[in-house]
Each structure stands twice: as structure tokens, then as C-alpha cells.
Amino acid sequence: MKNASSTIETPIKKRNYKPFIIIVSIILIGAIGVLSGIPGAKNFDAFDITILPMMNAIFNTFTFLFLVGALIAIKKRNIKVHKGFIYAAFVTTFFFLITYVMYHFLAESTVYGGSGFMKGFYFFILITHILLAAAIVPLALTSVARAWNGEIERHRKIVRFTMPIWLYVSFTGVLVYLLISPYY
């Protein structure tokens, strides 16, 4: 005969991730804002730093593909695969952040050299990318925190915004690279 307590699921212990999300968001967004205002290292020649923006684009590409995989997996109700893709997207986003910070710490800002429609298009993509990239930090962290806490309905509500924004940010990150790469 089965023990009644063996069939009862252990509830998920909810944790308060809010302070962590706020601190990480402020630090990341603040550090990137500060980096945009510094001139870059002078006479740095340990390696060719122009490889870093290409690495950024590669990491953004993988993030985009992992997010698409996560979306397909969850549509098929495969939560385990969905989680794996989401964690992979966080890893590639983390690597993106490392190479992004390295490049902007070491290099001066690259000026877009195009004109006409392409210049307007580039700046539209760049500005929306920057604004939504700042927004995605707390959104993605909150989304995963809600999943970890077992708050599935609240998780579903926020990912309706988080997923398309994160897809847009990762896709436009690659697009920004492709548009500005001739000017590095």
C-alpha cells in the first residue's frame, strides 16, 4: 500500500529574485551606458579587436536561434527542451556581453558611413535595438525567475512580451553589425 505522503508533490520554495534582478539590470545597463561615453584604449595591440564585433554578431545569431528553438519546443509542450534552449540563450547572451564590453572598452566608437535611406534605416534599427536591449535585461531575468518559482501563469504573461523583444534585439544586433561592419 502506498503512503499518502509519497504521492504529494513538494511545493516549489518561492524566492525573491527582485533585488537581484534590479541590481543586475542597473549594473549592466549602467556599465554599457558608461562605456558608450569613454574614448577607448589607446595603442591597444595585443590582438585585432575588430574580431569582437563579429563575435558579438555570432553570439547574437546563436541567441536568436536558441530562442526560436525554445519557442518551437514550448509550442510542442516540451518544457525540458524549452528550458535547455532558454539557458543556452542566456549563455550566448552572457558571452555577447563579455565581447561587447571588451570591444567598447578597447575601441573608439565606429561611425556609420552610409547615407540617405540606409543611414535612416541604420539609425532606426540601432536606436530601437539599444532601447529594447536595455528593456530585455529585467524582462528576461523576471521571466526566468517566475519560471523558477513555479509561477507559470505569471511567466506566460511576461514572456508574451519578453520573447518577441528578445528575438528582435538578437536579430537586430546581427543586422546592426552587418550594416556597420564595412566601417570598422
N, C-alpha and C. Protein backbone atom coordinates (compact mmCIF):
# COMPACT_ATOMS: atom_id res chain seq x y z
N MET A 1 0.84 -1.19 0.00
CA MET A 1 0.00 0.00 0.00
C MET A 1 0.88 1.25 0.00
N LYS A 2 0.53 2.20 -0.82
CA LYS A 2 1.32 3.43 -0.93
C LYS A 2 1.05 4.35 0.25
N ASN A 3 2.10 5.00 0.66
CA ASN A 3 1.99 6.02 1.69
C ASN A 3 1.40 7.28 1.05
N ALA A 4 0.41 7.86 1.67
CA ALA A 4 -0.24 9.06 1.11
C ALA A 4 0.73 10.20 0.90
N SER A 5 1.73 10.31 1.76
CA SER A 5 2.69 11.41 1.63
C SER A 5 3.62 11.23 0.44
N SER A 6 3.76 10.01 -0.09
CA SER A 6 4.65 9.79 -1.23
C SER A 6 4.05 10.29 -2.54
N THR A 7 2.75 10.51 -2.58
CA THR A 7 2.12 10.98 -3.81
C THR A 7 1.94 12.49 -3.84
N ILE A 8 2.21 13.15 -2.73
CA ILE A 8 2.06 14.60 -2.68
C ILE A 8 3.33 15.25 -3.18
N GLU A 9 3.17 16.17 -4.13
CA GLU A 9 4.33 16.88 -4.68
C GLU A 9 4.82 17.93 -3.69
N THR A 10 6.12 18.05 -3.62
CA THR A 10 6.72 19.07 -2.77
C THR A 10 6.57 20.41 -3.47
N PRO A 11 5.99 21.39 -2.80
CA PRO A 11 5.82 22.70 -3.45
C PRO A 11 7.18 23.37 -3.66
N ILE A 12 7.23 24.17 -4.70
CA ILE A 12 8.44 24.93 -5.01
C ILE A 12 8.58 26.05 -3.99
N LYS A 13 9.76 26.14 -3.41
CA LYS A 13 10.01 27.23 -2.48
C LYS A 13 10.24 28.50 -3.30
N LYS A 14 9.36 29.46 -3.14
CA LYS A 14 9.47 30.70 -3.89
C LYS A 14 10.55 31.58 -3.29
N ARG A 15 11.33 32.14 -4.17
CA ARG A 15 12.41 33.04 -3.75
C ARG A 15 12.14 34.43 -4.30
N ASN A 16 12.65 35.41 -3.60
CA ASN A 16 12.51 36.79 -4.04
C ASN A 16 13.73 37.17 -4.88
N TYR A 17 13.57 37.10 -6.19
CA TYR A 17 14.66 37.44 -7.12
C TYR A 17 14.69 38.92 -7.47
N LYS A 18 13.68 39.66 -7.02
CA LYS A 18 13.55 41.07 -7.40
C LYS A 18 14.80 41.91 -7.10
N PRO A 19 15.38 41.84 -5.90
CA PRO A 19 16.60 42.64 -5.64
C PRO A 19 17.74 42.27 -6.60
N PHE A 20 17.92 40.98 -6.85
CA PHE A 20 18.96 40.53 -7.78
C PHE A 20 18.71 41.09 -9.18
N ILE A 21 17.47 41.01 -9.65
CA ILE A 21 17.12 41.50 -10.99
C ILE A 21 17.37 42.99 -11.09
N ILE A 22 16.99 43.74 -10.08
CA ILE A 22 17.19 45.20 -10.09
C ILE A 22 18.68 45.53 -10.10
N ILE A 23 19.45 44.88 -9.23
CA ILE A 23 20.89 45.17 -9.14
C ILE A 23 21.60 44.82 -10.44
N VAL A 24 21.34 43.62 -10.97
CA VAL A 24 21.99 43.19 -12.22
C VAL A 24 21.60 44.12 -13.37
N SER A 25 20.33 44.49 -13.44
CA SER A 25 19.86 45.38 -14.51
C SER A 25 20.55 46.74 -14.44
N ILE A 26 20.61 47.30 -13.25
CA ILE A 26 21.26 48.62 -13.09
C ILE A 26 22.74 48.54 -13.44
N ILE A 27 23.42 47.50 -12.96
CA ILE A 27 24.86 47.36 -13.23
C ILE A 27 25.11 47.19 -14.72
N LEU A 28 24.39 46.28 -15.37
CA LEU A 28 24.62 46.04 -16.80
C LEU A 28 24.28 47.25 -17.65
N ILE A 29 23.11 47.80 -17.45
CA ILE A 29 22.70 48.95 -18.27
C ILE A 29 23.58 50.15 -17.97
N GLY A 30 23.92 50.36 -16.70
CA GLY A 30 24.81 51.46 -16.33
C GLY A 30 26.20 51.31 -16.91
N ALA A 31 26.77 50.10 -16.83
CA ALA A 31 28.11 49.87 -17.36
C ALA A 31 28.15 50.09 -18.87
N ILE A 32 27.14 49.63 -19.55
CA ILE A 32 27.09 49.83 -21.01
C ILE A 32 26.92 51.31 -21.34
N GLY A 33 26.12 52.01 -20.56
CA GLY A 33 25.97 53.46 -20.75
C GLY A 33 27.27 54.19 -20.54
N VAL A 34 28.02 53.82 -19.50
CA VAL A 34 29.32 54.44 -19.24
C VAL A 34 30.30 54.14 -20.37
N LEU A 35 30.30 52.90 -20.84
CA LEU A 35 31.21 52.51 -21.92
C LEU A 35 30.97 53.33 -23.19
N SER A 36 29.73 53.71 -23.42
CA SER A 36 29.43 54.47 -24.63
C SER A 36 30.04 55.87 -24.58
N GLY A 37 30.40 56.32 -23.38
CA GLY A 37 30.96 57.67 -23.24
C GLY A 37 32.46 57.73 -23.09
N ILE A 38 33.14 56.58 -23.05
CA ILE A 38 34.59 56.63 -22.91
C ILE A 38 35.25 56.43 -24.27
N PRO A 39 36.44 57.00 -24.44
CA PRO A 39 37.06 57.03 -25.77
C PRO A 39 37.68 55.71 -26.23
N GLY A 40 37.91 54.76 -25.38
CA GLY A 40 38.57 53.52 -25.79
C GLY A 40 40.04 53.56 -25.45
N ALA A 41 40.65 52.40 -25.37
CA ALA A 41 42.07 52.31 -25.01
C ALA A 41 42.94 52.81 -26.16
N LYS A 42 44.01 53.47 -25.80
CA LYS A 42 44.96 53.96 -26.80
C LYS A 42 46.05 52.92 -27.01
N ASN A 43 46.46 52.74 -28.25
CA ASN A 43 47.58 51.87 -28.62
C ASN A 43 47.42 50.42 -28.15
N PHE A 44 46.20 49.93 -28.13
CA PHE A 44 46.00 48.52 -27.76
C PHE A 44 46.31 47.67 -28.99
N ASP A 45 47.25 46.74 -28.84
CA ASP A 45 47.61 45.91 -29.99
C ASP A 45 47.87 44.45 -29.62
N ALA A 46 47.31 44.00 -28.50
CA ALA A 46 47.51 42.61 -28.09
C ALA A 46 46.83 41.64 -29.07
N PHE A 47 45.73 42.06 -29.67
CA PHE A 47 45.06 41.30 -30.72
C PHE A 47 44.20 42.26 -31.52
N ASP A 48 43.73 41.80 -32.67
CA ASP A 48 42.89 42.63 -33.54
C ASP A 48 41.48 42.70 -32.96
N ILE A 49 41.16 43.86 -32.37
CA ILE A 49 39.87 43.99 -31.68
C ILE A 49 38.68 44.03 -32.62
N THR A 50 38.93 44.19 -33.93
CA THR A 50 37.80 44.21 -34.86
C THR A 50 37.14 42.83 -34.98
N ILE A 51 37.75 41.81 -34.41
CA ILE A 51 37.12 40.49 -34.38
C ILE A 51 35.96 40.45 -33.38
N LEU A 52 36.00 41.32 -32.38
CA LEU A 52 34.98 41.30 -31.32
C LEU A 52 33.57 41.62 -31.83
N PRO A 53 33.38 42.62 -32.69
CA PRO A 53 32.01 42.84 -33.19
C PRO A 53 31.47 41.65 -33.98
N MET A 54 32.37 40.96 -34.72
CA MET A 54 31.91 39.77 -35.44
C MET A 54 31.50 38.69 -34.44
N MET A 55 32.26 38.56 -33.35
CA MET A 55 31.89 37.59 -32.31
C MET A 55 30.54 37.99 -31.69
N ASN A 56 30.32 39.29 -31.48
CA ASN A 56 29.02 39.76 -30.98
C ASN A 56 27.89 39.28 -31.88
N ALA A 57 28.10 39.44 -33.19
CA ALA A 57 27.07 39.03 -34.15
C ALA A 57 26.85 37.52 -34.12
N ILE A 58 27.94 36.77 -33.98
CA ILE A 58 27.81 35.31 -33.90
C ILE A 58 27.03 34.91 -32.64
N PHE A 59 27.38 35.53 -31.51
CA PHE A 59 26.64 35.20 -30.27
C PHE A 59 25.18 35.62 -30.38
N ASN A 60 24.91 36.76 -31.00
CA ASN A 60 23.51 37.19 -31.21
C ASN A 60 22.77 36.21 -32.12
N THR A 61 23.46 35.71 -33.14
CA THR A 61 22.84 34.74 -34.04
C THR A 61 22.45 33.48 -33.27
N PHE A 62 23.37 32.98 -32.45
CA PHE A 62 23.06 31.79 -31.65
C PHE A 62 21.92 32.07 -30.67
N THR A 63 21.94 33.25 -30.05
CA THR A 63 20.85 33.60 -29.14
C THR A 63 19.51 33.56 -29.88
N PHE A 64 19.46 34.16 -31.05
CA PHE A 64 18.24 34.17 -31.85
C PHE A 64 17.79 32.74 -32.16
N LEU A 65 18.72 31.91 -32.61
CA LEU A 65 18.38 30.52 -32.96
C LEU A 65 17.92 29.73 -31.73
N PHE A 66 18.58 29.94 -30.59
CA PHE A 66 18.17 29.26 -29.36
C PHE A 66 16.77 29.71 -28.93
N LEU A 67 16.48 30.99 -29.09
CA LEU A 67 15.15 31.49 -28.73
C LEU A 67 14.07 30.90 -29.65
N VAL A 68 14.38 30.80 -30.93
CA VAL A 68 13.43 30.17 -31.86
C VAL A 68 13.21 28.71 -31.46
N GLY A 69 14.31 28.01 -31.12
CA GLY A 69 14.20 26.63 -30.65
C GLY A 69 13.35 26.54 -29.39
N ALA A 70 13.54 27.48 -28.47
CA ALA A 70 12.75 27.49 -27.23
C ALA A 70 11.27 27.71 -27.53
N LEU A 71 11.00 28.60 -28.46
CA LEU A 71 9.61 28.89 -28.84
C LEU A 71 8.96 27.66 -29.48
N ILE A 72 9.67 27.00 -30.38
CA ILE A 72 9.13 25.78 -31.01
C ILE A 72 8.90 24.70 -29.95
N ALA A 73 9.87 24.53 -29.05
CA ALA A 73 9.75 23.50 -28.01
C ALA A 73 8.55 23.74 -27.10
N ILE A 74 8.33 24.98 -26.71
CA ILE A 74 7.21 25.25 -25.80
C ILE A 74 5.87 25.12 -26.53
N LYS A 75 5.85 25.45 -27.81
CA LYS A 75 4.62 25.26 -28.59
C LYS A 75 4.26 23.77 -28.67
N LYS A 76 5.30 22.92 -28.65
CA LYS A 76 5.09 21.47 -28.65
C LYS A 76 4.97 20.92 -27.23
N ARG A 77 4.95 21.82 -26.24
CA ARG A 77 4.81 21.47 -24.83
C ARG A 77 5.97 20.62 -24.30
N ASN A 78 7.14 20.81 -24.89
CA ASN A 78 8.33 20.11 -24.42
C ASN A 78 9.12 21.06 -23.52
N ILE A 79 8.76 21.06 -22.25
CA ILE A 79 9.31 22.02 -21.29
C ILE A 79 10.80 21.80 -21.08
N LYS A 80 11.23 20.55 -21.03
CA LYS A 80 12.64 20.26 -20.81
C LYS A 80 13.51 20.85 -21.93
N VAL A 81 13.12 20.64 -23.16
CA VAL A 81 13.88 21.18 -24.30
C VAL A 81 13.78 22.71 -24.30
N HIS A 82 12.60 23.24 -23.99
CA HIS A 82 12.41 24.69 -23.89
C HIS A 82 13.40 25.30 -22.90
N LYS A 83 13.49 24.72 -21.71
CA LYS A 83 14.42 25.20 -20.69
C LYS A 83 15.85 25.17 -21.21
N GLY A 84 16.23 24.08 -21.85
CA GLY A 84 17.59 23.96 -22.38
C GLY A 84 17.92 25.07 -23.37
N PHE A 85 16.98 25.34 -24.26
CA PHE A 85 17.21 26.42 -25.23
C PHE A 85 17.27 27.79 -24.55
N ILE A 86 16.42 28.01 -23.56
CA ILE A 86 16.45 29.30 -22.85
C ILE A 86 17.77 29.47 -22.12
N TYR A 87 18.24 28.42 -21.45
CA TYR A 87 19.53 28.51 -20.76
C TYR A 87 20.66 28.74 -21.76
N ALA A 88 20.58 28.10 -22.92
CA ALA A 88 21.59 28.31 -23.97
C ALA A 88 21.56 29.76 -24.45
N ALA A 89 20.36 30.33 -24.58
CA ALA A 89 20.24 31.74 -24.99
C ALA A 89 20.86 32.66 -23.95
N PHE A 90 20.68 32.34 -22.67
CA PHE A 90 21.31 33.14 -21.62
C PHE A 90 22.84 33.03 -21.69
N VAL A 91 23.34 31.85 -21.98
CA VAL A 91 24.80 31.66 -22.08
C VAL A 91 25.37 32.47 -23.24
N THR A 92 24.75 32.37 -24.41
CA THR A 92 25.28 33.13 -25.56
C THR A 92 25.10 34.63 -25.35
N THR A 93 24.05 35.03 -24.67
CA THR A 93 23.88 36.44 -24.35
C THR A 93 24.97 36.90 -23.39
N PHE A 94 25.33 36.07 -22.43
CA PHE A 94 26.41 36.38 -21.50
C PHE A 94 27.74 36.54 -22.26
N PHE A 95 28.03 35.62 -23.18
CA PHE A 95 29.25 35.74 -23.99
C PHE A 95 29.21 36.99 -24.86
N PHE A 96 28.03 37.30 -25.40
CA PHE A 96 27.88 38.54 -26.15
C PHE A 96 28.26 39.73 -25.28
N LEU A 97 27.73 39.77 -24.06
CA LEU A 97 28.01 40.90 -23.16
C LEU A 97 29.51 41.04 -22.89
N ILE A 98 30.19 39.92 -22.71
CA ILE A 98 31.63 39.97 -22.46
C ILE A 98 32.36 40.58 -23.65
N THR A 99 32.08 40.09 -24.86
CA THR A 99 32.78 40.62 -26.04
C THR A 99 32.35 42.05 -26.35
N TYR A 100 31.10 42.37 -26.07
CA TYR A 100 30.61 43.74 -26.29
C TYR A 100 31.34 44.72 -25.37
N VAL A 101 31.42 44.38 -24.09
CA VAL A 101 32.09 45.25 -23.12
C VAL A 101 33.57 45.36 -23.46
N MET A 102 34.21 44.24 -23.82
CA MET A 102 35.63 44.29 -24.19
C MET A 102 35.85 45.24 -25.36
N TYR A 103 35.03 45.09 -26.40
CA TYR A 103 35.21 45.93 -27.60
C TYR A 103 35.02 47.40 -27.26
N HIS A 104 33.95 47.72 -26.56
CA HIS A 104 33.67 49.13 -26.29
C HIS A 104 34.59 49.73 -25.23
N PHE A 105 35.25 48.89 -24.48
CA PHE A 105 36.28 49.38 -23.56
C PHE A 105 37.58 49.66 -24.31
N LEU A 106 37.86 48.85 -25.33
CA LEU A 106 39.13 48.94 -26.04
C LEU A 106 39.10 49.83 -27.28
N ALA A 107 37.94 50.00 -27.88
CA ALA A 107 37.87 50.69 -29.18
C ALA A 107 37.08 51.99 -29.08
N GLU A 108 37.41 52.89 -29.97
CA GLU A 108 36.60 54.10 -30.11
C GLU A 108 35.34 53.73 -30.86
N SER A 109 34.30 54.53 -30.71
CA SER A 109 33.04 54.26 -31.41
C SER A 109 33.26 54.31 -32.92
N THR A 110 32.60 53.41 -33.61
CA THR A 110 32.66 53.38 -35.06
C THR A 110 31.52 54.23 -35.60
N VAL A 111 31.83 55.08 -36.55
CA VAL A 111 30.83 55.96 -37.15
C VAL A 111 30.25 55.28 -38.39
N TYR A 112 28.93 55.30 -38.49
CA TYR A 112 28.28 54.75 -39.67
C TYR A 112 28.56 55.66 -40.85
N GLY A 113 29.02 55.09 -41.96
CA GLY A 113 29.43 55.90 -43.10
C GLY A 113 28.43 55.97 -44.24
N GLY A 114 27.29 55.33 -44.09
CA GLY A 114 26.30 55.34 -45.16
C GLY A 114 25.53 56.65 -45.20
N SER A 115 24.67 56.76 -46.21
CA SER A 115 23.88 58.00 -46.35
C SER A 115 22.49 57.66 -46.89
N GLY A 116 21.66 58.68 -46.95
CA GLY A 116 20.32 58.52 -47.50
C GLY A 116 19.44 57.59 -46.70
N PHE A 117 18.65 56.79 -47.42
CA PHE A 117 17.72 55.87 -46.78
C PHE A 117 18.43 54.92 -45.83
N MET A 118 19.59 54.40 -46.24
CA MET A 118 20.30 53.42 -45.43
C MET A 118 20.75 54.01 -44.09
N LYS A 119 21.10 55.29 -44.10
CA LYS A 119 21.51 55.92 -42.84
C LYS A 119 20.31 56.01 -41.89
N GLY A 120 19.17 56.43 -42.41
CA GLY A 120 17.95 56.49 -41.59
C GLY A 120 17.54 55.11 -41.10
N PHE A 121 17.63 54.13 -41.99
CA PHE A 121 17.30 52.75 -41.62
C PHE A 121 18.24 52.24 -40.53
N TYR A 122 19.53 52.48 -40.71
CA TYR A 122 20.52 52.05 -39.73
C TYR A 122 20.23 52.65 -38.36
N PHE A 123 20.00 53.96 -38.31
CA PHE A 123 19.78 54.60 -37.02
C PHE A 123 18.45 54.19 -36.39
N PHE A 124 17.43 53.92 -37.20
CA PHE A 124 16.18 53.41 -36.65
C PHE A 124 16.42 52.05 -35.98
N ILE A 125 17.09 51.16 -36.71
CA ILE A 125 17.39 49.83 -36.17
C ILE A 125 18.27 49.95 -34.93
N LEU A 126 19.31 50.78 -34.99
CA LEU A 126 20.23 50.93 -33.86
C LEU A 126 19.52 51.46 -32.62
N ILE A 127 18.72 52.51 -32.78
CA ILE A 127 18.05 53.12 -31.62
C ILE A 127 17.04 52.17 -30.99
N THR A 128 16.23 51.51 -31.84
CA THR A 128 15.26 50.57 -31.28
C THR A 128 15.98 49.38 -30.64
N HIS A 129 17.07 48.95 -31.24
CA HIS A 129 17.87 47.86 -30.67
C HIS A 129 18.39 48.24 -29.29
N ILE A 130 18.97 49.41 -29.16
CA ILE A 130 19.54 49.86 -27.88
C ILE A 130 18.46 49.97 -26.81
N LEU A 131 17.35 50.62 -27.13
CA LEU A 131 16.29 50.80 -26.14
C LEU A 131 15.69 49.46 -25.70
N LEU A 132 15.45 48.58 -26.65
CA LEU A 132 14.86 47.29 -26.29
C LEU A 132 15.88 46.36 -25.63
N ALA A 133 17.17 46.52 -25.96
CA ALA A 133 18.21 45.73 -25.28
C ALA A 133 18.25 46.09 -23.80
N ALA A 134 18.08 47.36 -23.49
CA ALA A 134 18.04 47.77 -22.09
C ALA A 134 16.81 47.18 -21.40
N ALA A 135 15.70 47.15 -22.09
CA ALA A 135 14.46 46.61 -21.51
C ALA A 135 14.52 45.10 -21.33
N ILE A 136 15.25 44.41 -22.20
CA ILE A 136 15.24 42.95 -22.15
C ILE A 136 15.96 42.41 -20.92
N VAL A 137 16.88 43.16 -20.37
CA VAL A 137 17.62 42.67 -19.20
C VAL A 137 16.66 42.33 -18.05
N PRO A 138 15.88 43.29 -17.53
CA PRO A 138 14.97 42.92 -16.44
C PRO A 138 13.84 42.00 -16.90
N LEU A 139 13.40 42.12 -18.15
CA LEU A 139 12.32 41.26 -18.64
C LEU A 139 12.74 39.79 -18.68
N ALA A 140 13.92 39.51 -19.23
CA ALA A 140 14.38 38.12 -19.32
C ALA A 140 14.65 37.54 -17.94
N LEU A 141 15.27 38.34 -17.08
CA LEU A 141 15.55 37.85 -15.72
C LEU A 141 14.25 37.60 -14.95
N THR A 142 13.28 38.48 -15.09
CA THR A 142 11.99 38.29 -14.42
C THR A 142 11.27 37.07 -14.97
N SER A 143 11.34 36.87 -16.28
CA SER A 143 10.70 35.71 -16.90
C SER A 143 11.24 34.41 -16.34
N VAL A 144 12.55 34.30 -16.27
CA VAL A 144 13.15 33.06 -15.77
C VAL A 144 12.90 32.91 -14.27
N ALA A 145 12.91 34.00 -13.53
CA ALA A 145 12.63 33.93 -12.08
C ALA A 145 11.22 33.41 -11.83
N ARG A 146 10.27 33.86 -12.62
CA ARG A 146 8.90 33.38 -12.45
C ARG A 146 8.78 31.90 -12.77
N ALA A 147 9.52 31.45 -13.78
CA ALA A 147 9.52 30.01 -14.09
C ALA A 147 10.14 29.23 -12.95
N TRP A 148 11.26 29.70 -12.43
CA TRP A 148 11.93 29.00 -11.31
C TRP A 148 11.02 28.92 -10.09
N ASN A 149 10.20 29.95 -9.87
CA ASN A 149 9.29 29.96 -8.73
C ASN A 149 8.00 29.19 -8.99
N GLY A 150 7.87 28.62 -10.17
CA GLY A 150 6.67 27.85 -10.49
C GLY A 150 5.45 28.72 -10.74
N GLU A 151 5.66 29.99 -10.99
CA GLU A 151 4.56 30.93 -11.25
C GLU A 151 4.26 30.91 -12.76
N ILE A 152 3.70 29.82 -13.21
CA ILE A 152 3.57 29.56 -14.64
C ILE A 152 2.67 30.58 -15.34
N GLU A 153 1.54 30.93 -14.74
CA GLU A 153 0.65 31.92 -15.38
C GLU A 153 1.33 33.29 -15.48
N ARG A 154 2.01 33.70 -14.42
CA ARG A 154 2.73 34.98 -14.45
C ARG A 154 3.89 34.91 -15.45
N HIS A 155 4.53 33.76 -15.55
CA HIS A 155 5.61 33.54 -16.51
C HIS A 155 5.05 33.69 -17.93
N ARG A 156 3.94 33.05 -18.20
CA ARG A 156 3.33 33.14 -19.54
C ARG A 156 2.96 34.57 -19.91
N LYS A 157 2.45 35.31 -18.93
CA LYS A 157 2.07 36.70 -19.20
C LYS A 157 3.26 37.56 -19.61
N ILE A 158 4.38 37.41 -18.90
CA ILE A 158 5.52 38.27 -19.21
C ILE A 158 6.27 37.82 -20.46
N VAL A 159 6.30 36.51 -20.72
CA VAL A 159 7.05 36.06 -21.90
C VAL A 159 6.35 36.42 -23.20
N ARG A 160 5.09 36.78 -23.11
CA ARG A 160 4.41 37.27 -24.32
C ARG A 160 5.06 38.56 -24.83
N PHE A 161 5.69 39.29 -23.92
CA PHE A 161 6.43 40.50 -24.29
C PHE A 161 7.92 40.20 -24.41
N THR A 162 8.43 39.40 -23.47
CA THR A 162 9.86 39.14 -23.42
C THR A 162 10.37 38.45 -24.68
N MET A 163 9.71 37.39 -25.10
CA MET A 163 10.20 36.60 -26.23
C MET A 163 10.30 37.43 -27.52
N PRO A 164 9.26 38.15 -27.94
CA PRO A 164 9.42 38.91 -29.19
C PRO A 164 10.46 40.03 -29.07
N ILE A 165 10.55 40.64 -27.89
CA ILE A 165 11.55 41.70 -27.72
C ILE A 165 12.95 41.11 -27.78
N TRP A 166 13.18 39.99 -27.09
CA TRP A 166 14.50 39.36 -27.10
C TRP A 166 14.86 38.87 -28.51
N LEU A 167 13.89 38.32 -29.23
CA LEU A 167 14.13 37.92 -30.62
C LEU A 167 14.52 39.14 -31.47
N TYR A 168 13.78 40.25 -31.29
CA TYR A 168 14.08 41.47 -32.04
C TYR A 168 15.48 41.98 -31.72
N VAL A 169 15.83 42.01 -30.44
CA VAL A 169 17.14 42.51 -30.02
C VAL A 169 18.26 41.65 -30.59
N SER A 170 18.12 40.34 -30.50
CA SER A 170 19.19 39.48 -31.01
C SER A 170 19.29 39.56 -32.53
N PHE A 171 18.15 39.62 -33.22
CA PHE A 171 18.17 39.74 -34.69
C PHE A 171 18.74 41.08 -35.13
N THR A 172 18.29 42.16 -34.51
CA THR A 172 18.79 43.48 -34.92
C THR A 172 20.24 43.69 -34.51
N GLY A 173 20.71 42.97 -33.49
CA GLY A 173 22.13 43.03 -33.16
C GLY A 173 22.98 42.55 -34.33
N VAL A 174 22.54 41.48 -34.97
CA VAL A 174 23.24 40.97 -36.15
C VAL A 174 23.10 41.96 -37.30
N LEU A 175 21.91 42.50 -37.47
CA LEU A 175 21.66 43.46 -38.55
C LEU A 175 22.52 44.72 -38.39
N VAL A 176 22.63 45.24 -37.17
CA VAL A 176 23.47 46.40 -36.90
C VAL A 176 24.92 46.09 -37.28
N TYR A 177 25.38 44.91 -36.91
CA TYR A 177 26.76 44.51 -37.27
C TYR A 177 26.93 44.49 -38.78
N LEU A 178 26.00 43.87 -39.49
CA LEU A 178 26.12 43.77 -40.94
C LEU A 178 26.12 45.16 -41.60
N LEU A 179 25.33 46.08 -41.06
CA LEU A 179 25.26 47.41 -41.63
C LEU A 179 26.50 48.25 -41.35
N ILE A 180 27.12 48.09 -40.19
CA ILE A 180 28.25 48.93 -39.82
C ILE A 180 29.60 48.27 -40.08
N SER A 181 29.62 46.98 -40.32
CA SER A 181 30.90 46.26 -40.48
C SER A 181 31.81 46.81 -41.57
N PRO A 182 31.29 47.37 -42.65
CA PRO A 182 32.23 47.94 -43.64
C PRO A 182 33.01 49.16 -43.12
N TYR A 183 32.60 49.71 -42.00
CA TYR A 183 33.20 50.94 -41.49
C TYR A 183 34.13 50.73 -40.31
N TYR A 184 34.37 49.45 -39.92
CA TYR A 184 35.32 49.18 -38.84
C TYR A 184 36.73 49.43 -39.32
